[in-house]
Protein backbone atom coordinates (compact mmCIF):
# COMPACT_ATOMS: atom_id res chain seq x y z
CA MET A 1 45.00 230.49 32.96
CA LEU A 2 41.63 229.03 32.08
CA HIS A 3 41.14 226.98 28.93
CA PRO A 4 39.26 228.95 26.23
CA GLU A 5 37.23 225.92 25.06
CA LEU A 6 33.83 225.93 26.79
CA GLY A 7 33.42 222.83 28.92
CA ASN A 8 37.17 222.19 29.15
CA TYR A 9 38.17 222.78 32.78
CA ALA A 10 41.93 222.34 32.38
CA VAL A 11 43.96 225.17 33.91
CA ILE A 12 47.57 226.27 33.71
CA LYS A 13 48.99 227.54 36.98
CA HIS A 14 52.22 227.78 38.88
CA PRO A 15 52.94 224.43 40.60
CA ASN A 16 53.15 226.13 44.02
CA PHE A 17 49.76 227.81 43.63
CA ASP A 18 47.08 225.62 45.18
CA VAL A 19 43.42 226.53 45.36
CA PRO A 20 41.37 224.50 47.83
CA GLU A 21 38.30 222.89 46.29
CA GLY A 22 35.16 224.82 47.19
CA GLU A 23 36.94 228.17 47.64
CA LYS A 24 35.18 231.15 46.01
CA LEU A 25 37.55 232.89 43.62
CA GLU A 26 37.70 236.48 42.43
CA PHE A 27 38.19 237.16 38.71
CA TYR A 28 39.23 240.57 37.34
CA CYS A 29 39.64 242.17 33.94
CA LEU A 30 43.33 242.36 33.01
CA TYR A 31 42.83 245.76 31.38
CA CYS A 32 40.60 247.74 33.75
CA ASN A 33 40.92 245.61 36.92
CA LYS A 34 37.11 245.54 37.41
CA PRO A 35 35.62 242.38 38.92
CA LEU A 36 34.06 239.94 36.45
CA LEU A 37 30.80 239.45 38.33
CA SER A 38 27.64 237.92 36.93
CA GLU A 39 24.35 239.66 37.64
CA ARG A 40 22.64 236.24 37.53
CA ASN A 41 24.30 234.72 40.61
CA VAL A 42 26.97 235.82 43.12
CA ASN A 43 28.81 232.51 42.60
CA LEU A 44 29.29 233.13 38.86
CA ALA A 45 31.74 235.29 36.91
CA LYS A 46 30.85 236.83 33.54
CA ILE A 47 32.87 237.66 30.43
CA LEU A 48 31.96 238.49 26.84
CA MET A 49 33.27 236.23 24.07
CA SER A 50 33.16 236.79 20.30
CA ASP A 51 33.28 234.02 17.72
CA GLU A 52 34.72 233.93 14.21
CA ASP A 53 31.37 235.14 12.78
CA GLY A 54 31.43 238.26 14.95
CA LEU A 55 28.68 237.12 17.33
CA THR A 56 29.20 238.14 20.94
CA TYR A 57 28.07 235.84 23.74
CA GLU A 58 27.82 236.19 27.50
CA ILE A 59 29.87 233.48 29.20
CA HIS A 60 29.04 232.85 32.86
CA PHE A 61 31.18 230.39 34.81
CA SER A 62 31.44 229.21 38.39
CA ARG A 63 33.69 231.10 40.78
CA ILE A 64 33.78 228.05 43.07
CA ALA A 65 37.04 226.09 42.69
CA GLY A 66 36.38 222.58 41.41
CA GLN A 67 32.82 223.33 40.28
CA HIS A 68 32.33 222.75 36.54
CA SER A 69 29.49 225.06 35.49
CA THR A 70 29.64 227.20 32.35
CA TYR A 71 26.83 228.96 30.46
CA LYS A 72 26.87 230.50 26.98
CA ILE A 73 24.08 233.02 26.39
CA ILE A 74 23.04 235.04 23.37
CA GLY A 75 19.62 236.62 23.60
CA GLU A 76 17.26 233.95 24.90
CA ASN A 77 19.44 231.05 23.71
CA PHE A 78 21.42 229.14 26.34
CA GLU A 79 24.03 226.40 26.22
CA PHE A 80 25.20 224.64 29.38
CA PHE A 81 28.55 222.95 29.96
CA GLY A 82 30.01 220.92 32.82
CA GLU A 83 28.74 218.24 35.16
CA ASP A 84 27.69 220.87 37.73
CA ALA A 85 25.71 223.04 35.27
CA GLU A 86 22.38 222.13 36.90
CA GLU A 87 23.58 223.96 40.05
CA TYR A 88 22.62 227.34 38.60
CA ARG A 89 20.33 226.41 35.70
CA LEU A 90 17.20 227.71 37.45
CA ASN A 91 18.79 231.15 37.65
CA PHE A 92 18.79 231.28 33.84
CA ASP A 93 15.10 230.58 33.27
CA TYR A 94 13.08 233.61 32.17
């Protein structure tokens, strides 16, 4: 389980489940089982997140284990999180 706070990279997992750093992970929707792929970069996953005001954001995050890159997008407004966020920042410029 990934932490819901953007920029917090803590995870909860079974103690016997190890993911090697650098491995590309696959993320799927729990309801429809479709892959959560970002159209901005093959190494990013994408979900939609709504806040308490009803605004919906695109959240893109790294699929590479150990890489801390998260992006919050609404319209042309971007927020970047994580020490590795510069890795994909150029892919977000219009």
